Amino acid sequence: MEEMKITQVFFDNDPDVSIIDLVLNEDKPMPAVSVPVNDDTDEKYDVYLRVAPGTGKIVGAMIMYSDNLFRELAQAFANKDLNHPDVRFFLEKKLEAYARAHADKLELRDTREPSPAPAE
């Protein structure tokens, strides 16, 4: 599966439902079929992936009740909840980005003494 890059964001803050429409890996919105992907969960928001007919390529996503998603994420981050899968995912991706950006510094060829591991 190809990495999903958000290329455009559209907000629709209807008084009854907050919606985020995302364009993924494309320069502009493309015709697509919306497929629900979290309807088997108890999440308080609805996620649809938008799939281009014929190619099966994911070209977008829509999150309905997105305020609930952001509220949940904000609470998990504020509580430093490292057991929350989205917090853990974010930290792992952030650390991967640091490692890629500083790969040259991470190739230790000297004989520095390693620091002790954190206590368990």
PDB file of N, CA and C in Angstrom:
ATOM      1  N   MET A   1       0.841  -1.182   0.000  1.00  0.00           N
ATOM      2  CA  MET A   1       0.000   0.000   0.000  1.00  0.00           C
ATOM      3  C   MET A   1       0.882   1.239   0.000  1.00  0.00           C
ATOM      4  N   GLU A   2       0.546   2.147  -0.851  1.00  0.00           N
ATOM      5  CA  GLU A   2       1.331   3.377  -0.969  1.00  0.00           C
ATOM      6  C   GLU A   2       1.057   4.299   0.217  1.00  0.00           C
ATOM      7  N   GLU A   3       2.053   5.070   0.599  1.00  0.00           N
ATOM      8  CA  GLU A   3       1.908   6.005   1.701  1.00  0.00           C
ATOM      9  C   GLU A   3       0.885   7.068   1.331  1.00  0.00           C
ATOM     10  N   MET A   4       0.058   7.456   2.272  1.00  0.00           N
ATOM     11  CA  MET A   4      -0.967   8.458   2.021  1.00  0.00           C
ATOM     12  C   MET A   4      -0.465   9.821   2.446  1.00  0.00           C
ATOM     13  N   LYS A   5      -0.445  10.745   1.488  1.00  0.00           N
ATOM     14  CA  LYS A   5      -0.034  12.119   1.754  1.00  0.00           C
ATOM     15  C   LYS A   5      -1.235  13.029   1.555  1.00  0.00           C
ATOM     16  N   ILE A   6      -1.556  13.816   2.560  1.00  0.00           N
ATOM     17  CA  ILE A   6      -2.649  14.778   2.452  1.00  0.00           C
ATOM     18  C   ILE A   6      -2.166  15.943   1.596  1.00  0.00           C
ATOM     19  N   THR A   7      -2.848  16.194   0.482  1.00  0.00           N
ATOM     20  CA  THR A   7      -2.445  17.266  -0.423  1.00  0.00           C
ATOM     21  C   THR A   7      -3.391  18.461  -0.382  1.00  0.00           C
ATOM     22  N   GLN A   8      -4.631  18.250   0.044  1.00  0.00           N
ATOM     23  CA  GLN A   8      -5.586  19.347   0.216  1.00  0.00           C
ATOM     24  C   GLN A   8      -6.538  18.996   1.344  1.00  0.00           C
ATOM     25  N   VAL A   9      -7.027  20.036   2.017  1.00  0.00           N
ATOM     26  CA  VAL A   9      -7.968  19.857   3.123  1.00  0.00           C
ATOM     27  C   VAL A   9      -9.133  20.817   2.929  1.00  0.00           C
ATOM     28  N   PHE A  10     -10.330  20.291   3.095  1.00  0.00           N
ATOM     29  CA  PHE A  10     -11.543  21.107   3.019  1.00  0.00           C
ATOM     30  C   PHE A  10     -12.345  20.883   4.302  1.00  0.00           C
ATOM     31  N   PHE A  11     -12.786  21.985   4.929  1.00  0.00           N
ATOM     32  CA  PHE A  11     -13.581  21.914   6.150  1.00  0.00           C
ATOM     33  C   PHE A  11     -15.018  22.317   5.849  1.00  0.00           C
ATOM     34  N   ASP A  12     -15.965  21.604   6.420  1.00  0.00           N
ATOM     35  CA  ASP A  12     -17.381  21.957   6.338  1.00  0.00           C
ATOM     36  C   ASP A  12     -17.912  21.892   7.755  1.00  0.00           C
ATOM     37  N   ASN A  13     -17.982  23.034   8.409  1.00  0.00           N
ATOM     38  CA  ASN A  13     -18.429  23.059   9.805  1.00  0.00           C
ATOM     39  C   ASN A  13     -19.919  23.357   9.876  1.00  0.00           C
ATOM     40  N   ASP A  14     -20.681  22.414   9.398  1.00  0.00           N
ATOM     41  CA  ASP A  14     -22.132  22.459   9.516  1.00  0.00           C
ATOM     42  C   ASP A  14     -22.460  22.493  11.004  1.00  0.00           C
ATOM     43  N   PRO A  15     -23.507  23.194  11.421  1.00  0.00           N
ATOM     44  CA  PRO A  15     -23.836  23.236  12.857  1.00  0.00           C
ATOM     45  C   PRO A  15     -24.118  21.858  13.458  1.00  0.00           C
ATOM     46  N   ASP A  16     -24.558  20.901  12.637  1.00  0.00           N
ATOM     47  CA  ASP A  16     -24.907  19.584  13.161  1.00  0.00           C
ATOM     48  C   ASP A  16     -23.777  18.564  13.064  1.00  0.00           C
ATOM     49  N   VAL A  17     -22.857  18.758  12.122  1.00  0.00           N
ATOM     50  CA  VAL A  17     -21.786  17.778  11.919  1.00  0.00           C
ATOM     51  C   VAL A  17     -20.549  18.489  11.362  1.00  0.00           C
ATOM     52  N   SER A  18     -19.406  18.235  11.975  1.00  0.00           N
ATOM     53  CA  SER A  18     -18.151  18.800  11.453  1.00  0.00           C
ATOM     54  C   SER A  18     -17.548  17.768  10.491  1.00  0.00           C
ATOM     55  N   ILE A  19     -17.175  18.249   9.306  1.00  0.00           N
ATOM     56  CA  ILE A  19     -16.658  17.346   8.273  1.00  0.00           C
ATOM     57  C   ILE A  19     -15.307  17.856   7.786  1.00  0.00           C
ATOM     58  N   ILE A  20     -14.362  16.933   7.664  1.00  0.00           N
ATOM     59  CA  ILE A  20     -13.084  17.226   7.014  1.00  0.00           C
ATOM     60  C   ILE A  20     -13.032  16.345   5.774  1.00  0.00           C
ATOM     61  N   ASP A  21     -12.775  16.972   4.650  1.00  0.00           N
ATOM     62  CA  ASP A  21     -12.605  16.244   3.395  1.00  0.00           C
ATOM     63  C   ASP A  21     -11.142  16.385   3.001  1.00  0.00           C
ATOM     64  N   LEU A  22     -10.463  15.268   2.788  1.00  0.00           N
ATOM     65  CA  LEU A  22      -9.038  15.272   2.476  1.00  0.00           C
ATOM     66  C   LEU A  22      -8.797  14.738   1.081  1.00  0.00           C
ATOM     67  N   VAL A  23      -7.904  15.392   0.353  1.00  0.00           N
ATOM     68  CA  VAL A  23      -7.418  14.864  -0.920  1.00  0.00           C
ATOM     69  C   VAL A  23      -6.101  14.172  -0.600  1.00  0.00           C
ATOM     70  N   LEU A  24      -5.959  12.938  -1.077  1.00  0.00           N
ATOM     71  CA  LEU A  24      -4.754  12.154  -0.788  1.00  0.00           C
ATOM     72  C   LEU A  24      -4.002  11.850  -2.078  1.00  0.00           C
ATOM     73  N   ASN A  25      -2.729  12.192  -2.103  1.00  0.00           N
ATOM     74  CA  ASN A  25      -1.810  11.851  -3.199  1.00  0.00           C
ATOM     75  C   ASN A  25      -2.228  12.396  -4.561  1.00  0.00           C
ATOM     76  N   GLU A  26      -3.085  13.380  -4.606  1.00  0.00           N
ATOM     77  CA  GLU A  26      -3.535  13.968  -5.872  1.00  0.00           C
ATOM     78  C   GLU A  26      -3.435  15.479  -5.778  1.00  0.00           C
ATOM     79  N   ASP A  27      -3.366  16.136  -6.944  1.00  0.00           N
ATOM     80  CA  ASP A  27      -3.299  17.599  -6.985  1.00  0.00           C
ATOM     81  C   ASP A  27      -4.652  18.253  -6.771  1.00  0.00           C
ATOM     82  N   LYS A  28      -5.720  17.508  -7.057  1.00  0.00           N
ATOM     83  CA  LYS A  28      -7.067  18.066  -6.929  1.00  0.00           C
ATOM     84  C   LYS A  28      -8.025  16.932  -6.587  1.00  0.00           C
ATOM     85  N   PRO A  29      -9.218  17.268  -6.091  1.00  0.00           N
ATOM     86  CA  PRO A  29     -10.198  16.219  -5.797  1.00  0.00           C
ATOM     87  C   PRO A  29     -10.532  15.420  -7.057  1.00  0.00           C
ATOM     88  N   MET A  30     -10.686  14.124  -6.877  1.00  0.00           N
ATOM     89  CA  MET A  30     -10.975  13.215  -7.983  1.00  0.00           C
ATOM     90  C   MET A  30     -12.330  12.545  -7.745  1.00  0.00           C
ATOM     91  N   PRO A  31     -13.032  12.162  -8.842  1.00  0.00           N
ATOM     92  CA  PRO A  31     -14.259  11.377  -8.666  1.00  0.00           C
ATOM     93  C   PRO A  31     -13.926  10.074  -7.943  1.00  0.00           C
ATOM     94  N   ALA A  32     -14.745   9.717  -6.969  1.00  0.00           N
ATOM     95  CA  ALA A  32     -14.437   8.527  -6.179  1.00  0.00           C
ATOM     96  C   ALA A  32     -15.692   8.005  -5.491  1.00  0.00           C
ATOM     97  N   VAL A  33     -15.601   6.771  -5.061  1.00  0.00           N
ATOM     98  CA  VAL A  33     -16.647   6.130  -4.278  1.00  0.00           C
ATOM     99  C   VAL A  33     -16.203   6.154  -2.815  1.00  0.00           C
ATOM    100  N   SER A  34     -17.100   6.575  -1.923  1.00  0.00           N
ATOM    101  CA  SER A  34     -16.783   6.622  -0.486  1.00  0.00           C
ATOM    102  C   SER A  34     -17.093   5.280   0.160  1.00  0.00           C
ATOM    103  N   VAL A  35     -16.097   4.730   0.865  1.00  0.00           N
ATOM    104  CA  VAL A  35     -16.238   3.431   1.518  1.00  0.00           C
ATOM    105  C   VAL A  35     -16.058   3.624   3.024  1.00  0.00           C
ATOM    106  N   PRO A  36     -17.078   3.271   3.841  1.00  0.00           N
ATOM    107  CA  PRO A  36     -16.915   3.405   5.296  1.00  0.00           C
ATOM    108  C   PRO A  36     -15.866   2.415   5.803  1.00  0.00           C
ATOM    109  N   VAL A  37     -14.969   2.895   6.663  1.00  0.00           N
ATOM    110  CA  VAL A  37     -13.885   2.019   7.131  1.00  0.00           C
ATOM    111  C   VAL A  37     -13.818   1.860   8.647  1.00  0.00           C
ATOM    112  N   ASN A  38     -14.663   2.580   9.373  1.00  0.00           N
ATOM    113  CA  ASN A  38     -14.635   2.389  10.832  1.00  0.00           C
ATOM    114  C   ASN A  38     -16.026   2.154  11.395  1.00  0.00           C
ATOM    115  N   ASP A  39     -16.936   1.665  10.570  1.00  0.00           N
ATOM    116  CA  ASP A  39     -18.307   1.446  11.041  1.00  0.00           C
ATOM    117  C   ASP A  39     -18.427   0.256  11.985  1.00  0.00           C
ATOM    118  N   ASP A  40     -17.363  -0.510  12.143  1.00  0.00           N
ATOM    119  CA  ASP A  40     -17.383  -1.642  13.072  1.00  0.00           C
ATOM    120  C   ASP A  40     -16.702  -1.301  14.402  1.00  0.00           C
ATOM    121  N   THR A  41     -16.516  -0.004  14.653  1.00  0.00           N
ATOM    122  CA  THR A  41     -15.872   0.432  15.896  1.00  0.00           C
ATOM    123  C   THR A  41     -16.858   1.255  16.713  1.00  0.00           C
ATOM    124  N   ASP A  42     -16.455   1.605  17.930  1.00  0.00           N
ATOM    125  CA  ASP A  42     -17.292   2.485  18.755  1.00  0.00           C
ATOM    126  C   ASP A  42     -16.777   3.925  18.729  1.00  0.00           C
ATOM    127  N   GLU A  43     -15.956   4.246  17.741  1.00  0.00           N
ATOM    128  CA  GLU A  43     -15.435   5.609  17.611  1.00  0.00           C
ATOM    129  C   GLU A  43     -16.599   6.572  17.372  1.00  0.00           C
ATOM    130  N   LYS A  44     -16.467   7.778  17.899  1.00  0.00           N
ATOM    131  CA  LYS A  44     -17.539   8.766  17.812  1.00  0.00           C
ATOM    132  C   LYS A  44     -17.386   9.670  16.593  1.00  0.00           C
ATOM    133  N   TYR A  45     -16.774   9.152  15.556  1.00  0.00           N
ATOM    134  CA  TYR A  45     -16.628   9.851  14.286  1.00  0.00           C
ATOM    135  C   TYR A  45     -16.665   8.794  13.197  1.00  0.00           C
ATOM    136  N   ASP A  46     -17.001   9.226  11.994  1.00  0.00           N
ATOM    137  CA  ASP A  46     -17.119   8.307  10.862  1.00  0.00           C
ATOM    138  C   ASP A  46     -16.019   8.600   9.854  1.00  0.00           C
ATOM    139  N   VAL A  47     -15.332   7.558   9.397  1.00  0.00           N
ATOM    140  CA  VAL A  47     -14.256   7.713   8.426  1.00  0.00           C
ATOM    141  C   VAL A  47     -14.621   6.963   7.145  1.00  0.00           C
ATOM    142  N   TYR A  48     -14.478   7.656   6.027  1.00  0.00           N
ATOM    143  CA  TYR A  48     -14.712   7.069   4.712  1.00  0.00           C
ATOM    144  C   TYR A  48     -13.457   7.271   3.878  1.00  0.00           C
ATOM    145  N   LEU A  49     -12.973   6.226   3.241  1.00  0.00           N
ATOM    146  CA  LEU A  49     -11.893   6.375   2.267  1.00  0.00           C
ATOM    147  C   LEU A  49     -12.539   6.514   0.900  1.00  0.00           C
ATOM    148  N   ARG A  50     -11.996   7.412   0.099  1.00  0.00           N
ATOM    149  CA  ARG A  50     -12.533   7.658  -1.239  1.00  0.00           C
ATOM    150  C   ARG A  50     -11.653   6.933  -2.248  1.00  0.00           C
ATOM    151  N   VAL A  51     -12.273   6.024  -2.990  1.00  0.00           N
ATOM    152  CA  VAL A  51     -11.559   5.137  -3.901  1.00  0.00           C
ATOM    153  C   VAL A  51     -11.947   5.469  -5.343  1.00  0.00           C
ATOM    154  N   ALA A  52     -10.933   5.663  -6.196  1.00  0.00           N
ATOM    155  CA  ALA A  52     -11.179   5.945  -7.612  1.00  0.00           C
ATOM    156  C   ALA A  52     -11.713   4.696  -8.294  1.00  0.00           C
ATOM    157  N   PRO A  53     -12.857   4.812  -8.983  1.00  0.00           N
ATOM    158  CA  PRO A  53     -13.392   3.638  -9.674  1.00  0.00           C
ATOM    159  C   PRO A  53     -12.438   3.185 -10.771  1.00  0.00           C
ATOM    160  N   GLY A  54     -12.357   1.893 -10.973  1.00  0.00           N
ATOM    161  CA  GLY A  54     -11.494   1.355 -12.021  1.00  0.00           C
ATOM    162  C   GLY A  54     -10.088   1.075 -11.562  1.00  0.00           C
ATOM    163  N   THR A  55      -9.472   2.022 -10.843  1.00  0.00           N
ATOM    164  CA  THR A  55      -8.082   1.833 -10.417  1.00  0.00           C
ATOM    165  C   THR A  55      -7.983   1.271  -9.004  1.00  0.00           C
ATOM    166  N   GLY A  56      -8.995   1.536  -8.175  1.00  0.00           N
ATOM    167  CA  GLY A  56      -8.936   1.103  -6.782  1.00  0.00           C
ATOM    168  C   GLY A  56      -7.983   1.939  -5.942  1.00  0.00           C
ATOM    169  N   LYS A  57      -7.481   3.024  -6.507  1.00  0.00           N
ATOM    170  CA  LYS A  57      -6.533   3.885  -5.795  1.00  0.00           C
ATOM    171  C   LYS A  57      -7.282   4.769  -4.799  1.00  0.00           C
ATOM    172  N   ILE A  58      -6.753   4.867  -3.588  1.00  0.00           N
ATOM    173  CA  ILE A  58      -7.335   5.748  -2.572  1.00  0.00           C
ATOM    174  C   ILE A  58      -6.915   7.177  -2.901  1.00  0.00           C
ATOM    175  N   VAL A  59      -7.915   8.033  -3.163  1.00  0.00           N
ATOM    176  CA  VAL A  59      -7.627   9.402  -3.587  1.00  0.00           C
ATOM    177  C   VAL A  59      -8.140  10.443  -2.595  1.00  0.00           C
ATOM    178  N   GLY A  60      -8.779   9.977  -1.526  1.00  0.00           N
ATOM    179  CA  GLY A  60      -9.293  10.932  -0.560  1.00  0.00           C
ATOM    180  C   GLY A  60      -9.845  10.246   0.662  1.00  0.00           C
ATOM    181  N   ALA A  61     -10.268  11.064   1.604  1.00  0.00           N
ATOM    182  CA  ALA A  61     -10.897  10.574   2.825  1.00  0.00           C
ATOM    183  C   ALA A  61     -11.838  11.647   3.334  1.00  0.00           C
ATOM    184  N   MET A  62     -12.868  11.210   4.024  1.00  0.00           N
ATOM    185  CA  MET A  62     -13.794  12.137   4.651  1.00  0.00           C
ATOM    186  C   MET A  62     -13.995  11.674   6.088  1.00  0.00           C
ATOM    187  N   ILE A  63     -13.910  12.622   7.012  1.00  0.00           N
ATOM    188  CA  ILE A  63     -14.138  12.328   8.425  1.00  0.00           C
ATOM    189  C   ILE A  63     -15.337  13.159   8.869  1.00  0.00           C
ATOM    190  N   MET A  64     -16.409  12.466   9.204  1.00  0.00           N
ATOM    191  CA  MET A  64     -17.607  13.136   9.711  1.00  0.00           C
ATOM    192  C   MET A  64     -17.564  13.129  11.231  1.00  0.00           C
ATOM    193  N   TYR A  65     -18.072  14.191  11.843  1.00  0.00           N
ATOM    194  CA  TYR A  65     -17.983  14.398  13.286  1.00  0.00           C
ATOM    195  C   TYR A  65     -16.510  14.497  13.689  1.00  0.00           C
ATOM    196  N   SER A  66     -15.745  15.202  12.851  1.00  0.00           N
ATOM    197  CA  SER A  66     -14.302  15.327  13.074  1.00  0.00           C
ATOM    198  C   SER A  66     -13.969  16.033  14.386  1.00  0.00           C
ATOM    199  N   ASP A  67     -14.883  16.880  14.888  1.00  0.00           N
ATOM    200  CA  ASP A  67     -14.626  17.504  16.191  1.00  0.00           C
ATOM    201  C   ASP A  67     -14.434  16.445  17.269  1.00  0.00           C
ATOM    202  N   ASN A  68     -15.180  15.345  17.181  1.00  0.00           N
ATOM    203  CA  ASN A  68     -15.025  14.265  18.162  1.00  0.00           C
ATOM    204  C   ASN A  68     -13.640  13.625  18.061  1.00  0.00           C
ATOM    205  N   LEU A  69     -13.158  13.451  16.833  1.00  0.00           N
ATOM    206  CA  LEU A  69     -11.816  12.887  16.634  1.00  0.00           C
ATOM    207  C   LEU A  69     -10.764  13.786  17.268  1.00  0.00           C
ATOM    208  N   PHE A  70     -10.828  15.096  16.971  1.00  0.00           N
ATOM    209  CA  PHE A  70      -9.823  16.011  17.504  1.00  0.00           C
ATOM    210  C   PHE A  70      -9.921  16.152  19.019  1.00  0.00           C
ATOM    211  N   ARG A  71     -11.126  16.093  19.546  1.00  0.00           N
ATOM    212  CA  ARG A  71     -11.308  16.155  20.999  1.00  0.00           C
ATOM    213  C   ARG A  71     -10.653  14.936  21.655  1.00  0.00           C
ATOM    214  N   GLU A  72     -10.873  13.748  21.071  1.00  0.00           N
ATOM    215  CA  GLU A  72     -10.279  12.517  21.602  1.00  0.00           C
ATOM    216  C   GLU A  72      -8.751  12.579  21.542  1.00  0.00           C
ATOM    217  N   LEU A  73      -8.225  13.030  20.404  1.00  0.00           N
ATOM    218  CA  LEU A  73      -6.774  13.129  20.264  1.00  0.00           C
ATOM    219  C   LEU A  73      -6.177  14.144  21.233  1.00  0.00           C
ATOM    220  N   ALA A  74      -6.821  15.299  21.352  1.00  0.00           N
ATOM    221  CA  ALA A  74      -6.319  16.343  22.251  1.00  0.00           C
ATOM    222  C   ALA A  74      -6.272  15.825  23.689  1.00  0.00           C
ATOM    223  N   GLN A  75      -7.312  15.113  24.095  1.00  0.00           N
ATOM    224  CA  GLN A  75      -7.356  14.566  25.452  1.00  0.00           C
ATOM    225  C   GLN A  75      -6.245  13.533  25.661  1.00  0.00           C
ATOM    226  N   ALA A  76      -6.057  12.662  24.683  1.00  0.00           N
ATOM    227  CA  ALA A  76      -5.019  11.629  24.803  1.00  0.00           C
ATOM    228  C   ALA A  76      -3.627  12.263  24.875  1.00  0.00           C
ATOM    229  N   PHE A  77      -3.373  13.285  24.049  1.00  0.00           N
ATOM    230  CA  PHE A  77      -2.071  13.950  24.088  1.00  0.00           C
ATOM    231  C   PHE A  77      -1.900  14.724  25.390  1.00  0.00           C
ATOM    232  N   ALA A  78      -2.952  15.423  25.828  1.00  0.00           N
ATOM    233  CA  ALA A  78      -2.864  16.198  27.072  1.00  0.00           C
ATOM    234  C   ALA A  78      -2.576  15.295  28.263  1.00  0.00           C
ATOM    235  N   ASN A  79      -3.127  14.081  28.227  1.00  0.00           N
ATOM    236  CA  ASN A  79      -2.898  13.119  29.317  1.00  0.00           C
ATOM    237  C   ASN A  79      -1.596  12.336  29.147  1.00  0.00           C
ATOM    238  N   LYS A  80      -0.866  12.611  28.079  1.00  0.00           N
ATOM    239  CA  LYS A  80       0.374  11.885  27.774  1.00  0.00           C
ATOM    240  C   LYS A  80       0.116  10.381  27.786  1.00  0.00           C
ATOM    241  N   ASP A  81      -0.996   9.996  27.157  1.00  0.00           N
ATOM    242  CA  ASP A  81      -1.442   8.609  27.152  1.00  0.00           C
ATOM    243  C   ASP A  81      -0.700   7.815  26.082  1.00  0.00           C
ATOM    244  N   LEU A  82       0.444   7.269  26.453  1.00  0.00           N
ATOM    245  CA  LEU A  82       1.258   6.518  25.498  1.00  0.00           C
ATOM    246  C   LEU A  82       0.680   5.145  25.178  1.00  0.00           C
ATOM    247  N   ASN A  83      -0.398   4.759  25.839  1.00  0.00           N
ATOM    248  CA  ASN A  83      -1.098   3.533  25.478  1.00  0.00           C
ATOM    249  C   ASN A  83      -2.164   3.778  24.419  1.00  0.00           C
ATOM    250  N   HIS A  84      -2.472   5.050  24.166  1.00  0.00           N
ATOM    251  CA  HIS A  84      -3.441   5.388  23.117  1.00  0.00           C
ATOM    252  C   HIS A  84      -2.762   5.132  21.769  1.00  0.00           C
ATOM    253  N   PRO A  85      -3.375   4.323  20.895  1.00  0.00           N
ATOM    254  CA  PRO A  85      -2.694   3.954  19.645  1.00  0.00           C
ATOM    255  C   PRO A  85      -2.347   5.140  18.747  1.00  0.00           C
ATOM    256  N   ASP A  86      -3.161   6.190  18.763  1.00  0.00           N
ATOM    257  CA  ASP A  86      -2.862   7.342  17.904  1.00  0.00           C
ATOM    258  C   ASP A  86      -1.699   8.168  18.443  1.00  0.00           C
ATOM    259  N   VAL A  87      -1.587   8.280  19.754  1.00  0.00           N
ATOM    260  CA  VAL A  87      -0.450   8.989  20.356  1.00  0.00           C
ATOM    261  C   VAL A  87       0.831   8.220  20.052  1.00  0.00           C
ATOM    262  N   ARG A  88       0.787   6.915  20.263  1.00  0.00           N
ATOM    263  CA  ARG A  88       1.959   6.076  19.991  1.00  0.00           C
ATOM    264  C   ARG A  88       2.345   6.152  18.513  1.00  0.00           C
ATOM    265  N   PHE A  89       1.353   6.080  17.622  1.00  0.00           N
ATOM    266  CA  PHE A  89       1.602   6.161  16.182  1.00  0.00           C
ATOM    267  C   PHE A  89       2.280   7.482  15.827  1.00  0.00           C
ATOM    268  N   PHE A  90       1.752   8.593  16.366  1.00  0.00           N
ATOM    269  CA  PHE A  90       2.336   9.903  16.094  1.00  0.00           C
ATOM    270  C   PHE A  90       3.792   9.955  16.552  1.00  0.00           C
ATOM    271  N   LEU A  91       4.054   9.502  17.763  1.00  0.00           N
ATOM    272  CA  LEU A  91       5.428   9.550  18.280  1.00  0.00           C
ATOM    273  C   LEU A  91       6.368   8.681  17.454  1.00  0.00           C
ATOM    274  N   GLU A  92       5.901   7.499  17.045  1.00  0.00           N
ATOM    275  CA  GLU A  92       6.741   6.630  16.218  1.00  0.00           C
ATOM    276  C   GLU A  92       7.061   7.307  14.886  1.00  0.00           C
ATOM    277  N   LYS A  93       6.058   7.920  14.242  1.00  0.00           N
ATOM    278  CA  LYS A  93       6.281   8.605  12.952  1.00  0.00           C
ATOM    279  C   LYS A  93       7.208   9.799  13.135  1.00  0.00           C
ATOM    280  N   LYS A  94       7.058  10.530  14.222  1.00  0.00           N
ATOM    281  CA  LYS A  94       7.909  11.689  14.496  1.00  0.00           C
ATOM    282  C   LYS A  94       9.362  11.239  14.688  1.00  0.00           C
ATOM    283  N   LEU A  95       9.562  10.151  15.433  1.00  0.00           N
ATOM    284  CA  LEU A  95      10.917   9.637  15.651  1.00  0.00           C
ATOM    285  C   LEU A  95      11.531   9.108  14.355  1.00  0.00           C
ATOM    286  N   GLU A  96      10.706   8.453  13.521  1.00  0.00           N
ATOM    287  CA  GLU A  96      11.189   7.998  12.211  1.00  0.00           C
ATOM    288  C   GLU A  96      11.643   9.190  11.366  1.00  0.00           C
ATOM    289  N   ALA A  97      10.887  10.275  11.392  1.00  0.00           N
ATOM    290  CA  ALA A  97      11.255  11.471  10.628  1.00  0.00           C
ATOM    291  C   ALA A  97      12.577  12.056  11.137  1.00  0.00           C
ATOM    292  N   TYR A  98      12.748  12.120  12.466  1.00  0.00           N
ATOM    293  CA  TYR A  98      14.024  12.597  13.024  1.00  0.00           C
ATOM    294  C   TYR A  98      15.169  11.698  12.583  1.00  0.00           C
ATOM    295  N   ALA A  99      14.957  10.391  12.623  1.00  0.00           N
ATOM    296  CA  ALA A  99      16.013   9.448  12.249  1.00  0.00           C
ATOM    297  C   ALA A  99      16.400   9.606  10.782  1.00  0.00           C
ATOM    298  N   ARG A 100      15.393   9.776   9.906  1.00  0.00           N
ATOM    299  CA  ARG A 100      15.697   9.989   8.473  1.00  0.00           C
ATOM    300  C   ARG A 100      16.454  11.294   8.259  1.00  0.00           C
ATOM    301  N   ALA A 101      16.011  12.344   8.939  1.00  0.00           N
ATOM    302  CA  ALA A 101      16.625  13.665   8.760  1.00  0.00           C
ATOM    303  C   ALA A 101      18.053  13.723   9.298  1.00  0.00           C
ATOM    304  N   HIS A 102      18.363  12.878  10.243  1.00  0.00           N
ATOM    305  CA  HIS A 102      19.681  12.934  10.886  1.00  0.00           C
ATOM    306  C   HIS A 102      20.433  11.609  10.762  1.00  0.00           C
ATOM    307  N   ALA A 103      20.185  10.899   9.680  1.00  0.00           N
ATOM    308  CA  ALA A 103      20.812   9.587   9.479  1.00  0.00           C
ATOM    309  C   ALA A 103      22.331   9.678   9.541  1.00  0.00           C
ATOM    310  N   ASP A 104      22.895  10.773   9.022  1.00  0.00           N
ATOM    311  CA  ASP A 104      24.354  10.907   9.025  1.00  0.00           C
ATOM    312  C   ASP A 104      24.909  10.975  10.446  1.00  0.00           C
ATOM    313  N   LYS A 105      24.197  11.612  11.363  1.00  0.00           N
ATOM    314  CA  LYS A 105      24.640  11.714  12.751  1.00  0.00           C
ATOM    315  C   LYS A 105      24.487  10.385  13.495  1.00  0.00           C
ATOM    316  N   LEU A 106      23.597   9.541  13.002  1.00  0.00           N
ATOM    317  CA  LEU A 106      23.287   8.303  13.714  1.00  0.00           C
ATOM    318  C   LEU A 106      24.239   7.158  13.379  1.00  0.00           C
ATOM    319  N   GLU A 107      25.076   7.361  12.389  1.00  0.00           N
ATOM    320  CA  GLU A 107      26.070   6.343  12.049  1.00  0.00           C
ATOM    321  C   GLU A 107      27.286   6.554  12.947  1.00  0.00           C
ATOM    322  N   LEU A 108      27.264   5.930  14.093  1.00  0.00           N
ATOM    323  CA  LEU A 108      28.328   6.116  15.082  1.00  0.00           C
ATOM    324  C   LEU A 108      29.500   5.204  14.748  1.00  0.00           C
ATOM    325  N   ARG A 109      30.586   5.828  14.402  1.00  0.00           N
ATOM    326  CA  ARG A 109      31.776   5.056  14.055  1.00  0.00           C
ATOM    327  C   ARG A 109      32.872   5.232  15.091  1.00  0.00           C
ATOM    328  N   ASP A 110      32.573   6.043  16.098  1.00  0.00           N
ATOM    329  CA  ASP A 110      33.602   6.255  17.111  1.00  0.00           C
ATOM    330  C   ASP A 110      33.409   5.262  18.258  1.00  0.00           C
ATOM    331  N   THR A 111      34.172   5.433  19.281  1.00  0.00           N
ATOM    332  CA  THR A 111      34.152   4.474  20.389  1.00  0.00           C
ATOM    333  C   THR A 111      33.531   5.093  21.635  1.00  0.00           C
ATOM    334  N   ARG A 112      32.561   5.992  21.433  1.00  0.00           N
ATOM    335  CA  ARG A 112      31.913   6.600  22.599  1.00  0.00           C
ATOM    336  C   ARG A 112      31.245   5.533  23.448  1.00  0.00           C
ATOM    337  N   GLU A 113      31.290   5.763  24.747  1.00  0.00           N
ATOM    338  CA  GLU A 113      30.642   4.853  25.693  1.00  0.00           C
ATOM    339  C   GLU A 113      29.126   5.097  25.647  1.00  0.00           C
ATOM    340  N   PRO A 114      28.339   4.038  25.454  1.00  0.00           N
ATOM    341  CA  PRO A 114      26.890   4.240  25.423  1.00  0.00           C
ATOM    342  C   PRO A 114      26.349   4.634  26.798  1.00  0.00           C
ATOM    343  N   SER A 115      25.272   5.411  26.819  1.00  0.00           N
ATOM    344  CA  SER A 115      24.636   5.766  28.088  1.00  0.00           C
ATOM    345  C   SER A 115      23.804   4.582  28.555  1.00  0.00           C
ATOM    346  N   PRO A 116      23.547   4.513  29.838  1.00  0.00           N
ATOM    347  CA  PRO A 116      22.767   3.370  30.353  1.00  0.00           C
ATOM    348  C   PRO A 116      21.329   3.405  29.823  1.00  0.00           C
ATOM    349  N   ALA A 117      20.725   2.251  29.737  1.00  0.00           N
ATOM    350  CA  ALA A 117      19.321   2.155  29.304  1.00  0.00           C
ATOM    351  C   ALA A 117      18.434   2.699  30.409  1.00  0.00           C
ATOM    352  N   PRO A 118      17.266   3.238  30.054  1.00  0.00           N
ATOM    353  CA  PRO A 118      16.332   3.722  31.086  1.00  0.00           C
ATOM    354  C   PRO A 118      15.893   2.576  31.997  1.00  0.00           C
ATOM    355  N   ALA A 119      15.652   2.911  33.257  1.00  0.00           N
ATOM    356  CA  ALA A 119      15.206   1.900  34.223  1.00  0.00           C
ATOM    357  C   ALA A 119      13.795   1.453  33.873  1.00  0.00           C
ATOM    358  N   GLU A 120      13.534   0.174  34.048  1.00  0.00           N
ATOM    359  CA  GLU A 120      12.192  -0.356  33.766  1.00  0.00           C
ATOM    360  C   GLU A 120      11.297  -0.237  34.963  1.00  0.00           C
TER     361      GLU A 120
END
